[in-house]
N, C-alpha and C. Protein backbone atom coordinates (compact mmCIF):
# COMPACT_ATOMS: atom_id res chain seq x y z
N MET A 1 51.97 -64.59 12.54
CA MET A 1 52.17 -64.43 13.96
C MET A 1 52.70 -63.01 14.22
N VAL A 2 52.25 -62.41 15.32
CA VAL A 2 52.69 -61.08 15.73
C VAL A 2 54.12 -61.21 16.28
N PRO A 3 55.01 -60.28 15.96
CA PRO A 3 56.42 -60.41 16.35
C PRO A 3 56.72 -60.00 17.80
N LEU A 4 56.15 -60.73 18.75
CA LEU A 4 56.47 -60.49 20.16
C LEU A 4 57.83 -61.07 20.47
N GLN A 5 58.54 -60.44 21.40
CA GLN A 5 59.85 -60.96 21.79
C GLN A 5 59.76 -61.91 22.97
N ARG A 6 59.02 -61.54 24.05
CA ARG A 6 58.90 -62.40 25.21
C ARG A 6 57.85 -61.84 26.16
N LEU A 7 57.34 -62.67 27.03
CA LEU A 7 56.46 -62.24 28.11
C LEU A 7 57.32 -61.56 29.16
N THR A 8 56.92 -60.37 29.64
CA THR A 8 57.75 -59.66 30.60
C THR A 8 57.28 -59.82 32.04
N HIS A 9 55.97 -59.77 32.28
CA HIS A 9 55.49 -59.91 33.65
C HIS A 9 53.98 -60.11 33.69
N VAL A 10 53.49 -60.48 34.87
CA VAL A 10 52.07 -60.55 35.16
C VAL A 10 51.81 -59.54 36.26
N GLY A 11 50.82 -58.66 36.07
CA GLY A 11 50.52 -57.62 37.04
C GLY A 11 49.39 -58.02 37.97
N LEU A 12 49.53 -57.68 39.24
CA LEU A 12 48.53 -58.02 40.24
C LEU A 12 48.34 -56.82 41.16
N CYS A 13 47.13 -56.27 41.17
CA CYS A 13 46.81 -55.13 42.02
C CYS A 13 46.58 -55.63 43.45
N VAL A 14 47.17 -54.95 44.43
CA VAL A 14 47.07 -55.37 45.83
C VAL A 14 46.60 -54.20 46.69
N SER A 15 46.01 -54.52 47.83
CA SER A 15 45.49 -53.48 48.72
C SER A 15 46.53 -53.00 49.73
N ASP A 16 47.49 -53.85 50.06
CA ASP A 16 48.50 -53.53 51.06
C ASP A 16 49.82 -54.12 50.59
N LEU A 17 50.72 -53.27 50.13
CA LEU A 17 51.97 -53.74 49.53
C LEU A 17 52.83 -54.52 50.52
N ASP A 18 52.96 -54.05 51.74
CA ASP A 18 53.79 -54.76 52.73
C ASP A 18 53.23 -56.15 53.03
N ARG A 19 51.92 -56.23 53.18
CA ARG A 19 51.29 -57.53 53.46
C ARG A 19 51.48 -58.49 52.28
N SER A 20 51.32 -57.99 51.06
CA SER A 20 51.49 -58.84 49.88
C SER A 20 52.95 -59.25 49.70
N LEU A 21 53.89 -58.34 50.00
CA LEU A 21 55.30 -58.71 49.95
C LEU A 21 55.59 -59.81 50.97
N GLY A 22 55.01 -59.72 52.15
CA GLY A 22 55.18 -60.76 53.15
C GLY A 22 54.72 -62.11 52.64
N PHE A 23 53.66 -62.12 51.86
CA PHE A 23 53.13 -63.37 51.31
C PHE A 23 54.00 -63.88 50.16
N TYR A 24 54.16 -63.07 49.14
CA TYR A 24 54.87 -63.54 47.93
C TYR A 24 56.38 -63.70 48.13
N ARG A 25 56.98 -62.78 48.84
CA ARG A 25 58.43 -62.85 49.05
C ARG A 25 58.76 -63.82 50.18
N ASP A 26 58.19 -63.60 51.35
CA ASP A 26 58.60 -64.35 52.53
C ASP A 26 58.02 -65.77 52.59
N LEU A 27 56.80 -65.97 52.07
CA LEU A 27 56.21 -67.32 52.10
C LEU A 27 56.45 -68.10 50.81
N LEU A 28 56.25 -67.45 49.66
CA LEU A 28 56.34 -68.18 48.39
C LEU A 28 57.71 -68.11 47.74
N GLY A 29 58.63 -67.34 48.30
CA GLY A 29 60.01 -67.37 47.83
C GLY A 29 60.34 -66.50 46.64
N PHE A 30 59.49 -65.54 46.30
CA PHE A 30 59.86 -64.59 45.25
C PHE A 30 60.95 -63.66 45.79
N ARG A 31 61.75 -63.11 44.90
CA ARG A 31 62.75 -62.13 45.32
C ARG A 31 62.44 -60.80 44.64
N VAL A 32 62.65 -59.71 45.37
CA VAL A 32 62.41 -58.38 44.82
C VAL A 32 63.48 -58.07 43.79
N ARG A 33 63.04 -57.72 42.59
CA ARG A 33 63.96 -57.37 41.52
C ARG A 33 64.05 -55.86 41.33
N ASP A 34 62.92 -55.16 41.49
CA ASP A 34 62.91 -53.73 41.23
C ASP A 34 61.68 -53.11 41.88
N GLU A 35 61.74 -51.81 42.09
CA GLU A 35 60.61 -51.04 42.62
C GLU A 35 60.50 -49.76 41.82
N LEU A 36 59.27 -49.29 41.68
CA LEU A 36 59.04 -48.13 40.83
C LEU A 36 57.85 -47.34 41.36
N ASP A 37 58.02 -46.00 41.48
CA ASP A 37 56.92 -45.11 41.80
C ASP A 37 56.47 -44.44 40.52
N VAL A 38 55.15 -44.43 40.28
CA VAL A 38 54.58 -43.91 39.04
C VAL A 38 53.52 -42.89 39.41
N GLU A 39 53.53 -41.74 38.67
CA GLU A 39 52.56 -40.69 38.97
C GLU A 39 52.28 -39.86 37.73
N GLY A 40 51.02 -39.51 37.50
CA GLY A 40 50.62 -38.59 36.44
C GLY A 40 50.83 -39.11 35.03
N GLU A 41 51.01 -38.16 34.09
CA GLU A 41 51.26 -38.52 32.69
C GLU A 41 52.69 -39.04 32.56
N PRO A 42 52.99 -40.00 31.72
CA PRO A 42 52.12 -40.65 30.74
C PRO A 42 51.36 -41.86 31.30
N ALA A 43 51.53 -42.15 32.62
CA ALA A 43 50.84 -43.31 33.20
C ALA A 43 49.32 -43.16 33.11
N ASP A 44 48.80 -41.93 33.30
CA ASP A 44 47.35 -41.72 33.19
C ASP A 44 46.85 -42.22 31.83
N ARG A 45 47.58 -41.86 30.78
CA ARG A 45 47.17 -42.26 29.42
C ARG A 45 47.30 -43.78 29.24
N LEU A 46 48.44 -44.33 29.63
CA LEU A 46 48.68 -45.76 29.44
C LEU A 46 47.65 -46.61 30.19
N LEU A 47 47.35 -46.23 31.43
CA LEU A 47 46.46 -47.02 32.27
C LEU A 47 44.99 -46.63 32.14
N ARG A 48 44.73 -45.58 31.35
CA ARG A 48 43.36 -45.10 31.10
C ARG A 48 42.66 -44.71 32.39
N LEU A 49 43.42 -44.01 33.26
CA LEU A 49 42.91 -43.49 34.53
C LEU A 49 43.34 -42.03 34.64
N ARG A 50 42.82 -41.32 35.62
CA ARG A 50 43.23 -39.95 35.88
C ARG A 50 43.75 -39.85 37.30
N GLY A 51 44.85 -39.09 37.48
CA GLY A 51 45.42 -38.90 38.80
C GLY A 51 46.15 -40.11 39.33
N VAL A 52 46.81 -40.86 38.44
CA VAL A 52 47.51 -42.08 38.84
C VAL A 52 48.66 -41.76 39.78
N LYS A 53 48.69 -42.49 40.86
CA LYS A 53 49.82 -42.50 41.77
C LYS A 53 49.89 -43.92 42.32
N LEU A 54 50.99 -44.61 42.01
CA LEU A 54 51.11 -46.00 42.43
C LEU A 54 52.55 -46.37 42.70
N ARG A 55 52.69 -47.46 43.41
CA ARG A 55 54.01 -48.07 43.64
C ARG A 55 53.93 -49.47 43.05
N ALA A 56 54.95 -49.82 42.27
CA ALA A 56 55.05 -51.15 41.67
C ALA A 56 56.30 -51.83 42.21
N VAL A 57 56.14 -53.09 42.61
CA VAL A 57 57.28 -53.90 43.04
C VAL A 57 57.31 -55.13 42.15
N TYR A 58 58.46 -55.36 41.54
CA TYR A 58 58.64 -56.48 40.63
C TYR A 58 59.33 -57.61 41.38
N LEU A 59 58.68 -58.76 41.40
CA LEU A 59 59.20 -59.95 42.09
C LEU A 59 59.49 -61.03 41.06
N GLU A 60 60.53 -61.82 41.31
CA GLU A 60 60.89 -62.91 40.38
C GLU A 60 60.97 -64.24 41.11
N ARG A 61 60.56 -65.26 40.39
CA ARG A 61 60.72 -66.63 40.85
C ARG A 61 60.56 -67.55 39.65
N ASP A 62 61.47 -68.50 39.49
CA ASP A 62 61.38 -69.51 38.44
C ASP A 62 61.25 -68.90 37.04
N GLY A 63 61.90 -67.75 36.82
CA GLY A 63 61.86 -67.12 35.51
C GLY A 63 60.58 -66.32 35.25
N VAL A 64 59.71 -66.21 36.25
CA VAL A 64 58.46 -65.46 36.11
C VAL A 64 58.56 -64.18 36.93
N THR A 65 58.13 -63.07 36.34
CA THR A 65 58.10 -61.80 37.06
C THR A 65 56.65 -61.46 37.39
N LEU A 66 56.41 -61.19 38.66
CA LEU A 66 55.11 -60.78 39.16
C LEU A 66 55.22 -59.32 39.57
N GLU A 67 54.37 -58.48 39.01
CA GLU A 67 54.37 -57.05 39.33
C GLU A 67 53.23 -56.78 40.31
N LEU A 68 53.57 -56.42 41.55
CA LEU A 68 52.57 -56.03 42.53
C LEU A 68 52.34 -54.53 42.40
N LEU A 69 51.10 -54.14 42.20
CA LEU A 69 50.72 -52.74 42.01
C LEU A 69 49.87 -52.28 43.18
N ARG A 70 50.30 -51.22 43.85
CA ARG A 70 49.51 -50.63 44.94
C ARG A 70 49.18 -49.20 44.55
N PHE A 71 47.90 -48.96 44.23
CA PHE A 71 47.44 -47.64 43.82
C PHE A 71 47.13 -46.78 45.04
N ALA A 72 47.77 -45.62 45.14
CA ALA A 72 47.39 -44.62 46.13
C ALA A 72 46.22 -43.80 45.58
N SER A 73 46.21 -43.59 44.26
CA SER A 73 45.08 -42.94 43.59
C SER A 73 45.11 -43.33 42.11
N PRO A 74 43.97 -43.29 41.46
CA PRO A 74 42.66 -43.02 42.02
C PRO A 74 42.17 -44.22 42.82
N PRO A 75 41.15 -44.00 43.67
CA PRO A 75 40.63 -45.14 44.44
C PRO A 75 40.03 -46.18 43.50
N GLY A 76 40.25 -47.44 43.84
CA GLY A 76 39.71 -48.53 43.02
C GLY A 76 38.30 -48.90 43.46
N PRO A 77 37.68 -49.77 42.69
CA PRO A 77 36.35 -50.24 43.08
C PRO A 77 36.44 -51.09 44.35
N ALA A 78 35.30 -51.27 44.99
CA ALA A 78 35.25 -52.12 46.19
C ALA A 78 35.67 -53.53 45.80
N PRO A 79 36.48 -54.18 46.65
CA PRO A 79 36.88 -55.55 46.34
C PRO A 79 35.67 -56.48 46.35
N ARG A 80 35.74 -57.53 45.54
CA ARG A 80 34.70 -58.57 45.52
C ARG A 80 35.34 -59.90 45.21
N ARG A 81 34.75 -60.94 45.70
CA ARG A 81 35.25 -62.28 45.44
C ARG A 81 34.84 -62.70 44.03
N ARG A 82 35.81 -63.18 43.25
CA ARG A 82 35.54 -63.66 41.89
C ARG A 82 35.54 -65.17 41.88
N THR A 83 34.72 -65.74 41.02
CA THR A 83 34.75 -67.19 40.83
C THR A 83 35.78 -67.51 39.76
N ILE A 84 36.27 -68.72 39.78
CA ILE A 84 37.38 -69.10 38.90
C ILE A 84 36.98 -69.12 37.43
N HIS A 85 35.68 -69.17 37.12
CA HIS A 85 35.29 -69.24 35.72
C HIS A 85 34.94 -67.87 35.13
N GLU A 86 35.25 -66.77 35.86
CA GLU A 86 35.08 -65.43 35.29
C GLU A 86 36.24 -65.14 34.35
N LEU A 87 35.99 -64.27 33.40
CA LEU A 87 37.03 -63.89 32.45
C LEU A 87 38.18 -63.21 33.17
N GLY A 88 39.38 -63.36 32.64
CA GLY A 88 40.56 -62.73 33.21
C GLY A 88 41.42 -63.72 33.97
N LEU A 89 42.41 -63.19 34.67
CA LEU A 89 43.33 -64.03 35.43
C LEU A 89 42.56 -64.88 36.43
N THR A 90 42.76 -66.18 36.42
CA THR A 90 42.05 -67.05 37.35
C THR A 90 42.90 -67.42 38.55
N HIS A 91 44.15 -67.82 38.31
CA HIS A 91 44.98 -68.26 39.43
C HIS A 91 46.44 -68.34 39.01
N LEU A 92 47.30 -68.43 40.01
CA LEU A 92 48.70 -68.76 39.83
C LEU A 92 48.85 -70.20 40.32
N SER A 93 49.76 -70.96 39.74
CA SER A 93 49.92 -72.36 40.12
C SER A 93 51.38 -72.67 40.39
N PHE A 94 51.61 -73.43 41.47
CA PHE A 94 52.96 -73.81 41.87
C PHE A 94 53.02 -75.32 42.11
N ARG A 95 54.11 -75.94 41.69
CA ARG A 95 54.37 -77.34 41.97
C ARG A 95 55.00 -77.42 43.35
N VAL A 96 54.59 -78.40 44.15
CA VAL A 96 55.17 -78.63 45.47
C VAL A 96 55.56 -80.10 45.59
N GLY A 97 56.56 -80.37 46.42
CA GLY A 97 56.99 -81.75 46.63
C GLY A 97 56.12 -82.49 47.63
N ASP A 98 55.65 -81.80 48.65
CA ASP A 98 54.84 -82.40 49.72
C ASP A 98 53.73 -81.43 50.05
N LEU A 99 52.54 -81.69 49.51
CA LEU A 99 51.43 -80.77 49.68
C LEU A 99 51.05 -80.60 51.15
N ALA A 100 50.99 -81.69 51.89
CA ALA A 100 50.60 -81.60 53.30
C ALA A 100 51.55 -80.70 54.08
N ALA A 101 52.85 -80.86 53.86
CA ALA A 101 53.84 -80.03 54.56
C ALA A 101 53.74 -78.57 54.13
N THR A 102 53.51 -78.34 52.85
CA THR A 102 53.37 -76.98 52.34
C THR A 102 52.15 -76.30 52.94
N LEU A 103 51.03 -77.00 52.97
CA LEU A 103 49.82 -76.43 53.56
C LEU A 103 50.00 -76.15 55.04
N ALA A 104 50.68 -77.05 55.75
CA ALA A 104 50.93 -76.85 57.18
C ALA A 104 51.78 -75.60 57.41
N ALA A 105 52.80 -75.40 56.58
CA ALA A 105 53.67 -74.22 56.71
C ALA A 105 52.89 -72.95 56.41
N LEU A 106 52.05 -72.98 55.39
CA LEU A 106 51.24 -71.81 55.06
C LEU A 106 50.24 -71.49 56.18
N ARG A 107 49.60 -72.51 56.71
CA ARG A 107 48.67 -72.30 57.83
C ARG A 107 49.39 -71.69 59.03
N ALA A 108 50.57 -72.22 59.34
CA ALA A 108 51.35 -71.73 60.48
C ALA A 108 51.72 -70.26 60.30
N ALA A 109 51.87 -69.83 59.05
CA ALA A 109 52.21 -68.44 58.75
C ALA A 109 50.97 -67.55 58.64
N GLY A 110 49.79 -68.15 58.81
CA GLY A 110 48.56 -67.37 58.78
C GLY A 110 47.90 -67.25 57.43
N ALA A 111 48.38 -68.01 56.44
CA ALA A 111 47.77 -67.95 55.11
C ALA A 111 46.42 -68.66 55.13
N HIS A 112 45.55 -68.28 54.20
CA HIS A 112 44.21 -68.85 54.10
C HIS A 112 44.23 -70.05 53.15
N VAL A 113 44.05 -71.23 53.70
CA VAL A 113 43.99 -72.47 52.91
C VAL A 113 42.52 -72.79 52.67
N LEU A 114 42.16 -73.06 51.43
CA LEU A 114 40.79 -73.43 51.08
C LEU A 114 40.66 -74.94 51.19
N ASP A 115 40.46 -75.42 52.42
CA ASP A 115 40.44 -76.86 52.68
C ASP A 115 39.43 -77.61 51.84
N ASP A 116 38.32 -76.97 51.48
CA ASP A 116 37.29 -77.66 50.70
C ASP A 116 37.72 -77.94 49.27
N THR A 117 38.86 -77.40 48.84
CA THR A 117 39.35 -77.66 47.48
C THR A 117 40.38 -78.78 47.41
N LEU A 118 40.78 -79.30 48.56
CA LEU A 118 41.83 -80.33 48.61
C LEU A 118 41.38 -81.60 47.90
N ILE A 119 42.20 -82.05 46.95
CA ILE A 119 41.94 -83.33 46.28
C ILE A 119 43.21 -84.17 46.35
N ARG A 120 43.01 -85.48 46.41
CA ARG A 120 44.12 -86.42 46.42
C ARG A 120 43.78 -87.58 45.49
N VAL A 121 44.76 -88.01 44.71
CA VAL A 121 44.61 -89.19 43.87
C VAL A 121 45.54 -90.23 44.47
N GLU A 122 45.00 -91.04 45.35
CA GLU A 122 45.81 -91.98 46.13
C GLU A 122 46.65 -92.91 45.25
N ALA A 123 46.10 -93.38 44.15
CA ALA A 123 46.82 -94.35 43.31
C ALA A 123 48.13 -93.77 42.77
N SER A 124 48.14 -92.48 42.49
CA SER A 124 49.33 -91.88 41.87
C SER A 124 50.13 -91.00 42.83
N GLY A 125 49.52 -90.59 43.94
CA GLY A 125 50.19 -89.68 44.86
C GLY A 125 50.01 -88.23 44.49
N ALA A 126 49.27 -87.93 43.42
CA ALA A 126 49.02 -86.55 43.03
C ALA A 126 48.03 -85.92 44.00
N ALA A 127 48.16 -84.61 44.21
CA ALA A 127 47.25 -83.88 45.08
C ALA A 127 47.28 -82.42 44.69
N ALA A 128 46.23 -81.70 45.04
CA ALA A 128 46.16 -80.27 44.75
C ALA A 128 45.23 -79.59 45.75
N CYS A 129 45.46 -78.31 45.92
CA CYS A 129 44.64 -77.51 46.82
C CYS A 129 44.84 -76.04 46.48
N PHE A 130 43.83 -75.22 46.73
CA PHE A 130 43.95 -73.79 46.56
C PHE A 130 44.16 -73.11 47.90
N VAL A 131 44.95 -72.05 47.88
CA VAL A 131 45.09 -71.11 48.98
C VAL A 131 44.83 -69.74 48.36
N THR A 132 44.74 -68.71 49.20
CA THR A 132 44.58 -67.37 48.64
C THR A 132 45.67 -66.46 49.18
N ASP A 133 45.98 -65.45 48.38
CA ASP A 133 46.90 -64.42 48.86
C ASP A 133 46.11 -63.49 49.77
N PRO A 134 46.72 -62.47 50.36
CA PRO A 134 46.00 -61.60 51.30
C PRO A 134 44.77 -60.89 50.71
N ASP A 135 44.73 -60.72 49.39
CA ASP A 135 43.58 -60.07 48.76
C ASP A 135 42.60 -61.05 48.13
N GLY A 136 42.82 -62.34 48.33
CA GLY A 136 41.89 -63.34 47.81
C GLY A 136 42.26 -63.93 46.47
N GLN A 137 43.42 -63.56 45.90
CA GLN A 137 43.84 -64.15 44.62
C GLN A 137 44.09 -65.63 44.83
N LEU A 138 43.51 -66.46 43.97
CA LEU A 138 43.68 -67.91 44.09
C LEU A 138 45.09 -68.34 43.71
N ILE A 139 45.65 -69.21 44.53
CA ILE A 139 46.96 -69.81 44.30
C ILE A 139 46.77 -71.32 44.37
N GLU A 140 47.07 -72.01 43.28
CA GLU A 140 46.94 -73.47 43.23
C GLU A 140 48.27 -74.11 43.58
N LEU A 141 48.23 -75.09 44.46
CA LEU A 141 49.41 -75.87 44.82
C LEU A 141 49.19 -77.29 44.34
N VAL A 142 50.14 -77.80 43.56
CA VAL A 142 49.99 -79.12 42.95
C VAL A 142 51.17 -80.00 43.32
N GLN A 143 50.85 -81.13 43.92
CA GLN A 143 51.87 -82.16 44.20
C GLN A 143 51.87 -83.10 43.02
N ALA A 144 53.02 -83.28 42.41
CA ALA A 144 53.13 -84.11 41.21
C ALA A 144 52.84 -85.57 41.53
N ARG A 145 52.53 -86.26 40.50
CA ARG A 145 52.35 -87.71 40.63
C ARG A 145 53.67 -88.34 41.03
N ILE A 146 53.59 -89.41 41.75
CA ILE A 146 54.79 -90.18 42.09
C ILE A 146 55.22 -90.91 40.83
N PRO A 147 56.49 -90.77 40.42
CA PRO A 147 56.93 -91.45 39.20
C PRO A 147 56.78 -92.97 39.33
N ARG A 148 56.32 -93.55 38.26
CA ARG A 148 56.20 -95.02 38.23
C ARG A 148 57.56 -95.66 38.16
N ALA A 149 57.69 -96.81 38.80
CA ALA A 149 58.96 -97.53 38.76
C ALA A 149 59.23 -97.98 37.32
N GLN A 150 60.46 -97.84 36.91
CA GLN A 150 60.86 -98.26 35.57
C GLN A 150 61.00 -99.79 35.55
N PRO A 151 60.52 -100.43 34.49
CA PRO A 151 60.67 -101.89 34.40
C PRO A 151 62.15 -102.26 34.39
N SER A 152 62.48 -103.34 35.07
CA SER A 152 63.89 -103.74 35.09
C SER A 152 64.18 -104.75 34.04
């Protein structure tokens, strides 16, 4: 096994840092841990780009750090919608206590709920649905199964 110490963060490139902060911080409850401006070398070498200028904001929630990256330069490729079975990051997933209430709150805040993905398992009370962040990143919301009554 390779001697890794720990996972440090997951990076997510965004088109509008303020809009993404509004989503992840204000709606999903992440807290800002740190901010960093990066420009030129050695970032050009590390990121395999030229003329790097970016702002990174590190958000934390539930022991997970999400790094939002907003590149001022170089310009990125045109955005495109990815399907969930493409290689790379597919989605972030969150457990919720009441999926219907969570979706209603997200809708009220203007978030995009993918209603066609909503599933419910009536027998157990489990449910799930996808929403997207402002740039279309899939976010899965999962309502846990209702615990079975313990035999007396």
